[in-house]
C-alpha atoms as a PDB file:
ATOM      1  CA  MET A   1       0.945   3.145   5.844  1.00  0.00           C
ATOM      2  CA  ASN A   2      -0.766  -0.085   5.546  1.00  0.00           C
ATOM      3  CA  THR A   3       2.203  -2.359   6.664  1.00  0.00           C
ATOM      4  CA  PRO A   4       1.454  -3.952   9.617  1.00  0.00           C
ATOM      5  CA  LEU A   5       4.271  -4.979  12.237  1.00  0.00           C
ATOM      6  CA  THR A   6       4.450  -8.418  13.696  1.00  0.00           C
ATOM      7  CA  LEU A   7       5.028  -9.200  17.283  1.00  0.00           C
ATOM      8  CA  ALA A   8       8.137 -10.367  16.074  1.00  0.00           C
ATOM      9  CA  GLY A   9       9.409  -6.992  14.040  1.00  0.00           C
ATOM     10  CA  ALA A  10       8.394  -5.217  16.836  1.00  0.00           C
ATOM     11  CA  VAL A  11      10.632  -7.358  18.962  1.00  0.00           C
ATOM     12  CA  ALA A  12      13.485  -6.254  16.154  1.00  0.00           C
ATOM     13  CA  SER A  13      12.785  -2.647  16.593  1.00  0.00           C
ATOM     14  CA  VAL A  14      12.511  -2.932  20.529  1.00  0.00           C
ATOM     15  CA  ALA A  15      16.003  -4.188  20.245  1.00  0.00           C
ATOM     16  CA  VAL A  16      17.462  -1.121  18.458  1.00  0.00           C
ATOM     17  CA  LEU A  17      15.480   0.862  20.989  1.00  0.00           C
ATOM     18  CA  ILE A  18      17.032  -1.244  23.802  1.00  0.00           C
ATOM     19  CA  ILE A  19      20.791  -1.196  22.690  1.00  0.00           C
ATOM     20  CA  ASN A  20      20.186   2.725  22.151  1.00  0.00           C
ATOM     21  CA  VAL A  21      19.007   3.708  25.387  1.00  0.00           C
ATOM     22  CA  ARG A  22      21.329   1.302  27.017  1.00  0.00           C
ATOM     23  CA  SER A  23      24.431   2.929  25.872  1.00  0.00           C
ATOM     24  CA  TRP A  24      23.222   5.981  26.962  1.00  0.00           C
ATOM     25  CA  TRP A  25      22.374   4.764  30.390  1.00  0.00           C
ATOM     26  CA  LYS A  26      25.334   3.304  30.675  1.00  0.00           C
ATOM     27  CA  GLY A  27      27.487   6.644  29.954  1.00  0.00           C
ATOM     28  CA  ASN A  28      26.834   9.725  31.774  1.00  0.00           C
ATOM     29  CA  ARG A  29      23.016  10.015  30.841  1.00  0.00           C
ATOM     30  CA  GLU A  30      23.120  13.718  29.859  1.00  0.00           C
ATOM     31  CA  LEU A  31      20.116  14.648  27.548  1.00  0.00           C
ATOM     32  CA  LYS A  32      22.195  16.031  24.755  1.00  0.00           C
ATOM     33  CA  ALA A  33      23.478  12.260  24.346  1.00  0.00           C
ATOM     34  CA  LEU A  34      19.751  11.195  23.553  1.00  0.00           C
ATOM     35  CA  VAL A  35      19.098  13.853  20.672  1.00  0.00           C
ATOM     36  CA  PRO A  36      20.753  11.856  17.507  1.00  0.00           C
ATOM     37  CA  PHE A  37      18.655   8.880  18.465  1.00  0.00           C
ATOM     38  CA  GLY A  38      15.425  10.993  19.470  1.00  0.00           C
ATOM     39  CA  GLY A  39      15.972  13.219  16.438  1.00  0.00           C
ATOM     40  CA  GLY A  40      16.028   9.896  14.391  1.00  0.00           C
ATOM     41  CA  LEU A  41      12.604   8.631  15.993  1.00  0.00           C
ATOM     42  CA  ILE A  42      11.044  11.782  15.253  1.00  0.00           C
ATOM     43  CA  THR A  43      11.846  12.044  11.757  1.00  0.00           C
ATOM     44  CA  GLY A  44      10.882   8.208  10.964  1.00  0.00           C
ATOM     45  CA  ALA A  45       7.342   8.988  12.946  1.00  0.00           C
ATOM     46  CA  GLY A  46       6.869  11.875  10.325  1.00  0.00           C
ATOM     47  CA  TRP A  47       7.979   9.577   7.488  1.00  0.00           C
ATOM     48  CA  THR A  48       5.283   7.057   8.729  1.00  0.00           C
ATOM     49  CA  MET A  49       2.389   9.864   7.533  1.00  0.00           C
ATOM     50  CA  CYS A  50       3.683  10.421   4.250  1.00  0.00           C
ATOM     51  CA  ILE A  51       1.434   8.093   1.990  1.00  0.00           C
ATOM     52  CA  GLY A  52       2.143   7.983  -1.270  1.00  0.00           C
ATOM     53  CA  GLY A  53       5.366   9.308  -1.035  1.00  0.00           C
ATOM     54  CA  LEU A  54       8.988   8.431  -0.822  1.00  0.00           C
ATOM     55  CA  PHE A  55       9.150   8.515   2.615  1.00  0.00           C
ATOM     56  CA  GLY A  56       6.142   6.495   3.342  1.00  0.00           C
ATOM     57  CA  TRP A  57       7.679   3.916   0.911  1.00  0.00           C
ATOM     58  CA  PHE A  58      10.746   3.854   3.317  1.00  0.00           C
ATOM     59  CA  ALA A  59       8.541   3.200   6.194  1.00  0.00           C
ATOM     60  CA  ALA A  60       6.787   0.092   4.575  1.00  0.00           C
ATOM     61  CA  GLN A  61      10.070  -1.095   3.628  1.00  0.00           C
ATOM     62  CA  ALA A  62      11.337  -0.598   7.337  1.00  0.00           C
ATOM     63  CA  VAL A  63       8.264  -2.179   8.698  1.00  0.00           C
ATOM     64  CA  GLN A  64       8.816  -5.448   6.387  1.00  0.00           C
ATOM     65  CA  ALA A  65      12.269  -5.408   7.245  1.00  0.00           C
ATOM     66  CA  SER A  66      11.941  -5.554  10.889  1.00  0.00           C
ATOM     67  CA  ASN A  67       9.225  -8.290  10.099  1.00  0.00           C
ATOM     68  CA  LYS A  68      11.745 -10.745   8.437  1.00  0.00           C
ATOM     69  CA  VAL A  69      14.343 -10.119  10.979  1.00  0.00           C
ATOM     70  CA  GLY A  70      12.419 -10.597  13.889  1.00  0.00           C
ATOM     71  CA  ASP A  71      10.313 -13.601  12.349  1.00  0.00           C
ATOM     72  CA  LYS A  72      14.290 -15.247  11.624  1.00  0.00           C
ATOM     73  CA  GLY A  73      15.670 -13.878  15.591  1.00  0.00           C
ATOM     74  CA  VAL A  74      12.486 -15.267  17.115  1.00  0.00           C
ATOM     75  CA  GLY A  75      12.225 -18.499  15.130  1.00  0.00           C
ATOM     76  CA  ALA A  76      15.874 -19.237  15.608  1.00  0.00           C
ATOM     77  CA  THR A  77      16.087 -18.174  19.394  1.00  0.00           C
ATOM     78  CA  THR A  78      12.396 -20.042  20.656  1.00  0.00           C
ATOM     79  CA  GLY A  79      11.587 -22.122  17.218  1.00  0.00           C
ATOM     80  CA  ALA A  80       8.249 -20.432  17.482  1.00  0.00           C
ATOM     81  CA  HIS A  81       6.718 -18.798  14.204  1.00  0.00           C
ATOM     82  CA  GLY A  82       3.382 -16.955  13.108  1.00  0.00           C
ATOM     83  CA  GLY A  83       3.128 -14.633  15.940  1.00  0.00           C
ATOM     84  CA  GLY A  84       0.787 -12.295  13.686  1.00  0.00           C
ATOM     85  CA  SER A  85       0.336  -8.635  12.962  1.00  0.00           C
ATOM     86  CA  LEU A  86       0.048  -6.186  15.746  1.00  0.00           C
ATOM     87  CA  ALA A  87      -2.926  -3.329  15.507  1.00  0.00           C
ATOM     88  CA  LEU A  88      -1.984  -0.811  12.858  1.00  0.00           C
ATOM     89  CA  GLY A  89      -1.326   2.700  13.615  1.00  0.00           C
ATOM     90  CA  SER A  90      -0.666   5.729  12.681  1.00  0.00           C
ATOM     91  CA  PRO A  91       0.448   8.903  15.214  1.00  0.00           C
ATOM     92  CA  GLY A  92      -1.958  11.274  12.982  1.00  0.00           C
ATOM     93  CA  HIS A  93      -1.916  13.179   9.722  1.00  0.00           C
ATOM     94  CA  LEU A  94      -0.105  16.214   8.075  1.00  0.00           C
ATOM     95  CA  THR A  95      -1.448  19.290   6.496  1.00  0.00           C
ATOM     96  CA  TYR A  96       0.267  20.283   3.314  1.00  0.00           C
ATOM     97  CA  ALA A  97       2.186  22.922   5.479  1.00  0.00           C
ATOM     98  CA  GLY A  98       3.248  19.884   7.953  1.00  0.00           C
ATOM     99  CA  ALA A  99       4.283  17.889   5.049  1.00  0.00           C
ATOM    100  CA  CYS A 100       6.769  20.551   3.770  1.00  0.00           C
ATOM    101  CA  ALA A 101       8.146  20.622   7.457  1.00  0.00           C
ATOM    102  CA  VAL A 102       8.568  17.196   7.495  1.00  0.00           C
ATOM    103  CA  LEU A 103      10.599  17.511   3.765  1.00  0.00           C
ATOM    104  CA  VAL A 104      12.616  20.687   5.318  1.00  0.00           C
ATOM    105  CA  ALA A 105      13.485  18.903   8.572  1.00  0.00           C
ATOM    106  CA  ALA A 106      14.575  15.267   6.213  1.00  0.00           C
ATOM    107  CA  ILE A 107      17.082  18.041   4.145  1.00  0.00           C
ATOM    108  CA  VAL A 108      18.467  19.167   7.853  1.00  0.00           C
ATOM    109  CA  GLY A 109      18.644  15.944   9.029  1.00  0.00           C
ATOM    110  CA  GLY A 110      20.622  14.665   6.182  1.00  0.00           C
ATOM    111  CA  ILE A 111      22.849  17.188   6.347  1.00  0.00           C
ATOM    112  CA  VAL A 112      23.495  16.617  10.281  1.00  0.00           C
ATOM    113  CA  LEU A 113      23.784  13.137   9.405  1.00  0.00           C
ATOM    114  CA  LYS A 114      26.593  13.972   6.719  1.00  0.00           C
ATOM    115  CA  ALA A 115      28.016  15.909   9.601  1.00  0.00           C
ATOM    116  CA  ALA A 116      28.034  13.326  12.472  1.00  0.00           C
ATOM    117  CA  GLY A 117      30.554  11.116  13.763  1.00  0.00           C
ATOM    118  CA  LYS A 118      30.202   7.274  13.589  1.00  0.00           C
ATOM    119  CA  GLN A 119      28.708   7.239  16.943  1.00  0.00           C
ATOM    120  CA  ASP A 120      25.691   9.363  16.427  1.00  0.00           C
ATOM    121  CA  THR A 121      25.403   8.188  12.984  1.00  0.00           C
ATOM    122  CA  LYS A 122      24.449   4.958  14.571  1.00  0.00           C
ATOM    123  CA  ARG A 123      22.128   6.584  17.051  1.00  0.00           C
ATOM    124  CA  MET A 124      20.570   8.725  14.471  1.00  0.00           C
ATOM    125  CA  LEU A 125      19.696   5.848  11.762  1.00  0.00           C
ATOM    126  CA  GLY A 126      18.872   3.340  14.848  1.00  0.00           C
ATOM    127  CA  GLY A 127      16.247   6.293  15.948  1.00  0.00           C
ATOM    128  CA  LEU A 128      14.879   6.901  12.535  1.00  0.00           C
ATOM    129  CA  PHE A 129      14.651   2.897  12.042  1.00  0.00           C
ATOM    130  CA  ALA A 130      12.517   2.496  15.646  1.00  0.00           C
ATOM    131  CA  GLY A 131      10.433   5.613  14.635  1.00  0.00           C
ATOM    132  CA  LEU A 132       9.734   4.303  10.813  1.00  0.00           C
ATOM    133  CA  THR A 133       8.709   0.527  12.274  1.00  0.00           C
ATOM    134  CA  LEU A 134       7.033   1.211  15.789  1.00  0.00           C
ATOM    135  CA  CYS A 135       5.022   3.984  14.687  1.00  0.00           C
ATOM    136  CA  ALA A 136       3.085   1.840  12.587  1.00  0.00           C
ATOM    137  CA  THR A 137       1.478  -0.139  15.612  1.00  0.00           C
ATOM    138  CA  ALA A 138      -1.531   1.656  17.730  1.00  0.00           C
ATOM    139  CA  GLY A 139       0.448   1.790  20.653  1.00  0.00           C
ATOM    140  CA  PHE A 140       3.381   3.628  19.977  1.00  0.00           C
ATOM    141  CA  ALA A 141       1.541   5.534  17.531  1.00  0.00           C
ATOM    142  CA  GLN A 142      -0.553   6.998  19.955  1.00  0.00           C
ATOM    143  CA  ILE A 143       2.311   8.012  22.071  1.00  0.00           C
ATOM    144  CA  MET A 144       3.795  10.051  19.179  1.00  0.00           C
ATOM    145  CA  GLN A 145       0.643  11.635  18.587  1.00  0.00           C
ATOM    146  CA  TRP A 146       2.544  15.130  19.547  1.00  0.00           C
ATOM    147  CA  VAL A 147       4.520  14.705  16.419  1.00  0.00           C
ATOM    148  CA  PRO A 148       2.064  15.760  13.277  1.00  0.00           C
ATOM    149  CA  GLU A 149       0.871  18.272  15.559  1.00  0.00           C
ATOM    150  CA  MET A 150       4.700  19.674  15.659  1.00  0.00           C
ATOM    151  CA  TYR A 151       5.168  19.488  12.199  1.00  0.00           C
ATOM    152  CA  ASN A 152       2.132  21.157  11.328  1.00  0.00           C
ATOM    153  CA  ALA A 153       2.623  24.092  13.416  1.00  0.00           C
ATOM    154  CA  LEU A 154       6.017  24.214  12.022  1.00  0.00           C
ATOM    155  CA  GLY A 155       4.606  24.144   8.730  1.00  0.00           C
ATOM    156  CA  ASP A 156       2.021  27.109   9.471  1.00  0.00           C
ATOM    157  CA  ALA A 157       4.572  29.085  11.221  1.00  0.00           C
ATOM    158  CA  GLY A 158       6.737  28.602   7.952  1.00  0.00           C
ATOM    159  CA  ARG A 159       4.182  29.681   5.631  1.00  0.00           C
ATOM    160  CA  SER A 160       3.403  32.963   7.895  1.00  0.00           C
ATOM    161  CA  VAL A 161       6.741  33.965   7.860  1.00  0.00           C
ATOM    162  CA  LEU A 162       7.584  33.590   4.220  1.00  0.00           C
ATOM    163  CA  ASN A 163       3.643  35.571   3.493  1.00  0.00           C
ATOM    164  CA  GLY A 164       5.221  38.289   5.592  1.00  0.00           C
ATOM    165  CA  GLU A 165       2.638  37.806   8.568  1.00  0.00           C
ATOM    166  CA  VAL A 166       5.365  37.380  11.424  1.00  0.00           C
ATOM    167  CA  SER A 167       8.081  40.209  11.404  1.00  0.00           C
ATOM    168  CA  LEU A 168      11.572  39.016  12.048  1.00  0.00           C
END
């Protein structure tokens, strides 16, 4: 993705992250309660690597929206403007099989999103937004370097199963 996140945009994205972690922290702190947000976060991270496709376009639009909202928020609350862009990052690169795994995961995620309750839907969309935006930064992308490896491995495993190389 070639759209950099600004510092103000990162503030907006981190706010979404904090709101979701806070609701988990104030709850019963079960790991399963983090699944909707975490699933969205991983999905968003995967989409940032889909340069030139629809998912990559969504990532760029999310970054631009975060930048606009963040700039308005920082400007309105502090009076400061023009924080500049952060270092551009990407978690890595997808193989063709990995890209196929991202698409399959998005289809499954859409089905799960449709079946989810209101609260989990908010968490999934918040995670998606955080993944789409924060992975545009070098630091967060470095933390998420395992995501393309996971999708590439899943794609390779799917190809092996479909080629009959793995018996079920």
